[in-house]
Amino acid sequence: MTMIDINLMPENLRKRRKGKLLPGGFKIPLEVVIGIVGALLMLIVLAHIYLLAVNLSQLGKQKILESKKKGLAPAKENVDAVIAEMRVFQDKKKAMESINGENEILWSQKLNLLSNNIPRGVWLKKVAFNGEVLFIDGSAISRQNEEMLNAQSLVTNLKKDGEFLKQLKDLEVGSIQRRVTGAGGIADFLITVKLK
């Protein structure tokens, strides 16, 4: 049985029908729409809660790692000190290898030759080697104002000595400074010699 609906109200006073929500005249009940919207809101809230929990978990892990890092700081300082000390030893080892390496220099022989070439009135205050350069620091004294010649004589003698210059090069006088005392003139000099 079909029901016929007759509306005797004028058209301007009649209630307008709502548009169809789905094709075929199928209407979604209001409760279902509210349920779907509520479920979507619940999913959004749950997603926010999950992300908040993940964020708090990551912050907790970060704090634990930071506290461990602070605990490791003294050990790191010790390791850094050991590494710095090891580098110093490696530099010293390289210097020693350059002295006693393949082209081994017999320093005792070099010092004997240096001693043999020292003219009268010249004495050495310091002989030092820094791994690349040999430094000869000395003074010459003379009562006849020949101290400059005596210092220069040492340089000339060393340049002529082929055995002394073996494995060495660039023998140079860095500076000669003259000063006068009551006993005569003194010339302070510094000679540098490089390794080949």
Protein backbone atom coordinates (compact mmCIF):
# COMPACT_ATOMS: atom_id res chain seq x y z
CA MET A 1 0.00 0.00 0.00
CA THR A 2 1.19 3.36 -0.98
CA MET A 3 0.43 6.41 0.91
CA ILE A 4 -0.37 9.62 -0.76
CA ASP A 5 0.64 12.75 0.99
CA ILE A 6 -1.54 15.76 0.27
CA ASN A 7 -0.43 19.13 1.50
CA LEU A 8 -3.01 21.83 1.32
CA MET A 9 -0.78 24.60 2.57
CA PRO A 10 0.17 27.33 0.15
CA GLU A 11 3.61 26.81 -1.32
CA ASN A 12 5.22 29.77 0.38
CA LEU A 13 4.26 28.39 3.82
CA ARG A 14 5.20 24.80 3.22
CA LYS A 15 8.30 23.31 4.85
CA ARG A 16 11.01 22.82 2.38
CA ARG A 17 12.43 19.35 2.11
CA LYS A 18 16.08 18.87 2.79
CA GLY A 19 18.23 17.77 -0.12
CA LYS A 20 19.04 14.15 -0.43
CA LEU A 21 22.33 13.20 1.22
CA LEU A 22 23.03 10.16 -0.89
CA PRO A 23 21.82 9.16 -4.33
CA GLY A 24 18.70 7.11 -4.38
CA GLY A 25 17.12 9.06 -1.52
CA PHE A 26 19.11 7.24 1.16
CA LYS A 27 19.46 9.33 4.31
CA ILE A 28 22.13 8.84 6.96
CA PRO A 29 20.63 8.98 10.40
CA LEU A 30 21.84 11.81 12.62
CA GLU A 31 23.16 9.35 15.22
CA VAL A 32 25.45 7.75 12.63
CA VAL A 33 26.82 11.15 11.52
CA ILE A 34 27.45 12.11 15.17
CA GLY A 35 29.11 8.73 15.78
CA ILE A 36 31.42 9.13 12.75
CA VAL A 37 32.39 12.68 13.74
CA GLY A 38 32.92 11.54 17.35
CA ALA A 39 35.11 8.63 16.17
CA LEU A 40 37.21 10.96 14.01
CA LEU A 41 37.66 13.36 16.94
CA MET A 42 38.61 10.44 19.17
CA LEU A 43 41.20 9.26 16.61
CA ILE A 44 42.67 12.76 16.46
CA VAL A 45 42.83 12.95 20.28
CA LEU A 46 44.41 9.46 20.47
CA ALA A 47 46.97 10.41 17.79
CA HIS A 48 47.90 13.54 19.78
CA ILE A 49 48.21 11.52 22.98
CA TYR A 50 50.41 8.93 21.20
CA LEU A 51 52.66 11.64 19.71
CA LEU A 52 52.89 13.34 23.11
CA ALA A 53 53.90 10.01 24.71
CA VAL A 54 56.56 9.45 22.00
CA ASN A 55 57.85 13.00 22.49
CA LEU A 56 58.07 12.57 26.28
CA SER A 57 59.84 9.24 25.81
CA GLN A 58 62.41 10.87 23.50
CA LEU A 59 62.95 13.72 25.98
CA GLY A 60 63.53 11.16 28.74
CA LYS A 61 66.08 9.31 26.59
CA GLN A 62 67.81 12.61 25.77
CA LYS A 63 68.09 13.48 29.48
CA ILE A 64 69.55 10.04 30.23
CA LEU A 65 72.11 10.48 27.42
CA GLU A 66 73.02 13.97 28.65
CA SER A 67 73.58 12.67 32.18
CA LYS A 68 75.77 9.86 30.78
CA LYS A 69 77.68 12.43 28.73
CA LYS A 70 78.33 14.51 31.85
CA GLY A 71 79.54 11.37 33.62
CA LEU A 72 81.95 10.68 30.75
CA ALA A 73 83.43 14.22 30.73
CA PRO A 74 86.26 13.44 33.24
CA ALA A 75 87.15 10.27 31.31
CA LYS A 76 87.19 12.28 28.05
CA GLU A 77 89.57 14.80 29.61
CA ASN A 78 91.88 11.94 30.63
CA VAL A 79 91.76 10.49 27.10
CA ASP A 80 92.49 13.93 25.60
CA ALA A 81 95.47 14.33 27.94
CA VAL A 82 96.79 10.89 26.96
CA ILE A 83 96.36 11.73 23.24
CA ALA A 84 98.24 15.03 23.69
CA GLU A 85 101.04 13.24 25.55
CA MET A 86 101.16 10.57 22.84
CA ARG A 87 101.55 13.27 20.15
CA VAL A 88 104.47 14.77 22.08
CA PHE A 89 106.12 11.33 22.24
CA GLN A 90 105.51 10.79 18.53
CA ASP A 91 107.20 14.12 17.75
CA LYS A 92 110.15 13.12 19.93
CA LYS A 93 110.26 9.73 18.22
CA LYS A 94 110.37 11.38 14.79
CA ALA A 95 113.20 13.61 15.96
CA MET A 96 115.08 10.57 17.26
CA GLU A 97 114.48 8.70 14.01
CA SER A 98 115.87 11.63 12.06
CA ILE A 99 118.96 11.44 14.27
CA ASN A 100 119.32 7.66 14.24
CA GLY A 101 117.43 6.80 11.05
CA GLU A 102 118.71 5.42 7.77
CA ASN A 103 121.21 8.24 7.39
CA GLU A 104 122.45 7.82 10.92
CA ILE A 105 124.59 10.70 12.06
CA LEU A 106 127.34 9.86 14.49
CA TRP A 107 126.98 12.86 16.75
CA SER A 108 129.97 11.95 18.88
CA GLN A 109 132.13 12.12 15.74
CA LYS A 110 130.55 15.47 14.75
CA LEU A 111 131.25 16.89 18.23
CA ASN A 112 134.89 15.67 18.07
CA LEU A 113 135.33 17.36 14.67
CA LEU A 114 133.71 20.52 16.02
CA SER A 115 136.12 20.46 18.97
CA ASN A 116 139.13 19.94 16.64
CA ASN A 117 138.12 22.98 14.53
CA ILE A 118 137.77 25.44 17.41
CA PRO A 119 140.55 28.06 17.13
CA ARG A 120 142.37 29.55 20.13
CA GLY A 121 140.31 32.13 22.02
CA VAL A 122 136.94 30.58 21.04
CA TRP A 123 134.72 28.60 23.41
CA LEU A 124 131.27 27.10 23.02
CA LYS A 125 128.47 27.82 25.46
CA LYS A 126 125.82 25.56 24.00
CA VAL A 127 125.39 22.98 21.24
CA ALA A 128 121.74 22.00 20.64
CA PHE A 129 119.79 20.03 18.04
CA ASN A 130 116.01 20.50 17.57
CA GLY A 131 115.45 17.68 15.07
CA GLU A 132 116.19 19.74 11.95
CA VAL A 133 118.83 22.35 12.86
CA LEU A 134 122.07 22.14 14.84
CA PHE A 135 122.70 25.31 16.87
CA ILE A 136 126.25 26.20 17.97
CA ASP A 137 126.30 29.09 20.44
CA GLY A 138 129.68 30.45 21.51
CA SER A 139 131.98 33.37 22.13
CA ALA A 140 135.42 34.49 20.98
CA ILE A 141 137.79 36.64 23.05
CA SER A 142 140.90 38.56 22.06
CA ARG A 143 143.10 41.22 23.58
CA GLN A 144 144.27 42.36 20.14
CA ASN A 145 140.72 43.03 18.80
CA GLU A 146 140.74 39.81 16.77
CA GLU A 147 137.64 38.27 18.37
CA MET A 148 135.57 38.77 15.20
CA LEU A 149 138.28 37.04 13.15
CA ASN A 150 138.43 34.17 15.63
CA ALA A 151 134.64 33.61 15.38
CA GLN A 152 134.84 33.79 11.59
CA SER A 153 137.79 31.41 11.66
CA LEU A 154 135.64 28.73 13.35
CA VAL A 155 133.03 29.07 10.61
CA THR A 156 135.70 28.84 7.89
CA ASN A 157 137.28 25.75 9.50
CA LEU A 158 133.88 23.99 9.74
CA LYS A 159 133.02 24.82 6.11
CA LYS A 160 136.34 23.32 4.96
CA ASP A 161 135.87 20.13 7.00
CA GLY A 162 134.17 17.66 4.63
CA GLU A 163 133.64 15.05 7.37
CA PHE A 164 131.84 17.56 9.60
CA LEU A 165 129.57 18.69 6.76
CA LYS A 166 128.72 15.11 5.77
CA GLN A 167 124.89 14.77 6.12
CA LEU A 168 124.72 18.50 6.98
CA LYS A 169 124.13 21.60 4.84
CA ASP A 170 123.68 25.38 4.99
CA LEU A 171 126.27 26.20 7.65
CA GLU A 172 125.65 29.88 8.44
CA VAL A 173 126.53 32.43 11.08
CA GLY A 174 123.25 33.74 12.41
CA SER A 175 124.68 36.75 14.22
CA ILE A 176 127.95 38.01 15.69
CA GLN A 177 127.74 40.68 18.39
CA ARG A 178 130.83 42.40 19.71
CA ARG A 179 131.19 43.77 23.21
CA VAL A 180 134.16 45.25 25.05
CA THR A 181 135.27 44.24 28.55
CA GLY A 182 138.29 45.13 30.68
CA ALA A 183 140.13 42.02 29.44
CA GLY A 184 139.51 42.82 25.76
CA GLY A 185 136.83 42.34 23.13
CA ILE A 186 134.31 39.52 23.12
CA ALA A 187 132.29 38.41 20.08
CA ASP A 188 129.17 36.32 20.77
CA PHE A 189 128.08 34.23 17.80
CA LEU A 190 125.40 31.73 16.78
CA ILE A 191 126.03 29.21 14.00
CA THR A 192 123.22 27.16 12.46
CA VAL A 193 123.63 23.98 10.43
CA LYS A 194 120.71 22.10 8.82
CA LEU A 195 120.33 18.38 8.19
CA LYS A 196 120.39 17.23 4.57
